[in-house]
Amino acid sequence: MSYEVNGQTIETNPNGYLENQDDWNEEVGKVIAEAEGVEMSDKHWDLVNHLRDEFFNNGGSQPNDRNLVKAMSAAWGEKINSKDLYTLFPKQPSKQAGKIAGLPESRRKGGY
C-alpha cells in the first residue's frame, strides 16, 4: 500500500502506516486522514501534533487513549472523555490519530 501526495509515492506497511516517519508532513497527514474518512479540524490536529511531540520528544512514547483524554482536556481547557476522542477518531483515537500523524504502528492493546 502507498499514498500519492503531490506526485510523490509515500510507502506504507500493509496496514497503511508510513514506512519512513521522515516522509510525513501536513499534506501527507491530510491524505491519510482522507483515506481514513476523517475530516480534520483544529482539535484533530491538536491530537495529531501531541502524538508526534510525544513520539519524537519523549523517547518514542505512544500514549494510550486514557493519557490522551488527560492531555487534550488540559490543552483544550475543558473536561473531555474518551467518547469525545472517539468522535474525532472513530477507529480508536490513539491508533488512528497515530496513523494520520505518520507514526509507527502501535503494538499495544486497547485504550486503557
Protein backbone atom coordinates (compact mmCIF):
# COMPACT_ATOMS: atom_id res chain seq x y z
CA MET A 1 0.00 0.00 0.00
CA SER A 2 1.10 3.57 -0.58
CA TYR A 3 -0.22 7.13 -0.70
CA GLU A 4 0.19 9.58 -3.55
CA VAL A 5 0.96 13.09 -2.32
CA ASN A 6 1.85 15.92 -4.70
CA GLY A 7 3.11 13.43 -7.30
CA GLN A 8 5.25 11.56 -4.78
CA THR A 9 4.62 7.98 -3.68
CA ILE A 10 4.75 7.51 0.09
CA GLU A 11 5.33 3.87 1.07
CA THR A 12 3.42 2.22 3.91
CA ASN A 13 3.18 -1.13 5.60
CA PRO A 14 0.19 -3.36 4.74
CA ASN A 15 -1.92 -1.58 7.41
CA GLY A 16 -1.31 1.90 5.97
CA TYR A 17 1.30 3.15 8.46
CA LEU A 18 4.26 5.03 6.99
CA GLU A 19 7.44 3.03 6.45
CA ASN A 20 9.55 6.15 6.97
CA GLN A 21 8.38 8.76 9.51
CA ASP A 22 10.53 11.37 7.72
CA ASP A 23 8.11 11.18 4.77
CA TRP A 24 5.41 12.84 6.90
CA ASN A 25 4.25 16.41 6.56
CA GLU A 26 0.84 18.02 6.98
CA GLU A 27 -0.12 17.28 3.37
CA VAL A 28 0.65 13.59 3.90
CA GLY A 29 -1.42 13.71 7.10
CA LYS A 30 -4.36 15.16 5.17
CA VAL A 31 -4.15 12.40 2.55
CA ILE A 32 -4.02 9.68 5.22
CA ALA A 33 -6.94 11.32 7.07
CA GLU A 34 -8.98 11.37 3.88
CA ALA A 35 -8.24 7.69 3.30
CA GLU A 36 -9.35 7.04 6.91
CA GLY A 37 -12.57 9.01 6.39
CA VAL A 38 -11.57 11.69 8.90
CA GLU A 39 -12.23 15.37 8.18
CA MET A 40 -9.51 17.24 10.05
CA SER A 41 -10.35 20.14 12.37
CA ASP A 42 -8.17 22.10 14.78
CA LYS A 43 -8.91 19.54 17.52
CA HIS A 44 -7.86 16.71 15.21
CA TRP A 45 -4.57 18.49 14.52
CA ASP A 46 -4.07 19.17 18.24
CA LEU A 47 -4.22 15.45 18.92
CA VAL A 48 -2.04 14.53 15.93
CA ASN A 49 0.58 17.12 16.92
CA HIS A 50 0.50 15.94 20.54
CA LEU A 51 1.17 12.37 19.41
CA ARG A 52 4.04 13.48 17.20
CA ASP A 53 5.53 15.55 20.03
CA GLU A 54 5.29 12.64 22.46
CA PHE A 55 6.85 10.20 20.00
CA PHE A 56 9.73 12.35 18.79
CA ASN A 57 10.48 14.26 22.02
CA ASN A 58 9.67 11.65 24.66
CA GLY A 59 11.62 8.54 23.69
CA GLY A 60 9.12 7.02 21.26
CA SER A 61 6.16 7.32 23.63
CA GLN A 62 2.79 6.43 22.12
CA PRO A 63 0.17 7.49 24.69
CA ASN A 64 -2.92 5.36 25.16
CA ASP A 65 -6.45 6.76 24.98
CA ARG A 66 -6.62 7.43 28.71
CA ASN A 67 -3.48 9.58 28.61
CA LEU A 68 -4.81 11.36 25.53
CA VAL A 69 -8.03 12.26 27.36
CA LYS A 70 -5.95 13.87 30.12
CA ALA A 71 -3.65 15.70 27.70
CA MET A 72 -6.42 17.02 25.48
CA SER A 73 -8.54 18.07 28.47
CA ALA A 74 -5.59 20.19 29.60
CA ALA A 75 -4.86 21.51 26.10
CA TRP A 76 -8.47 22.43 25.35
CA GLY A 77 -9.26 23.72 28.83
CA GLU A 78 -12.34 21.54 29.19
CA LYS A 79 -13.14 18.19 30.72
CA ILE A 80 -13.49 15.59 27.99
CA ASN A 81 -13.89 11.82 27.98
CA SER A 82 -12.91 9.01 25.65
CA LYS A 83 -16.21 9.36 23.77
CA ASP A 84 -15.11 12.85 22.69
CA LEU A 85 -11.90 11.42 21.23
CA TYR A 86 -13.78 8.59 19.50
CA THR A 87 -15.98 11.24 17.89
CA LEU A 88 -12.82 12.67 16.34
CA PHE A 89 -11.15 9.33 15.53
CA PRO A 90 -13.76 6.54 15.47
CA LYS A 91 -11.28 3.71 14.77
CA GLN A 92 -9.55 4.16 18.16
CA PRO A 93 -8.05 7.59 18.78
CA SER A 94 -4.51 6.62 19.74
CA LYS A 95 -4.06 4.30 16.78
CA GLN A 96 -5.99 6.13 14.05
CA ALA A 97 -4.54 9.52 15.00
CA GLY A 98 -1.10 7.88 15.19
CA LYS A 99 -1.50 6.64 11.64
CA ILE A 100 -2.51 10.12 10.45
CA ALA A 101 0.47 11.52 12.41
CA GLY A 102 2.82 9.28 10.43
CA LEU A 103 3.93 7.30 13.46
CA PRO A 104 4.82 3.60 13.52
CA GLU A 105 2.04 1.12 14.13
CA SER A 106 1.47 0.62 17.84
CA ARG A 107 1.58 -3.00 19.01
CA ARG A 108 -0.02 -2.38 22.38
CA LYS A 109 -3.61 -3.30 23.15
CA GLY A 110 -6.68 -1.23 23.95
CA GLY A 111 -7.26 2.29 25.11
CA TYR A 112 -6.91 1.94 28.87
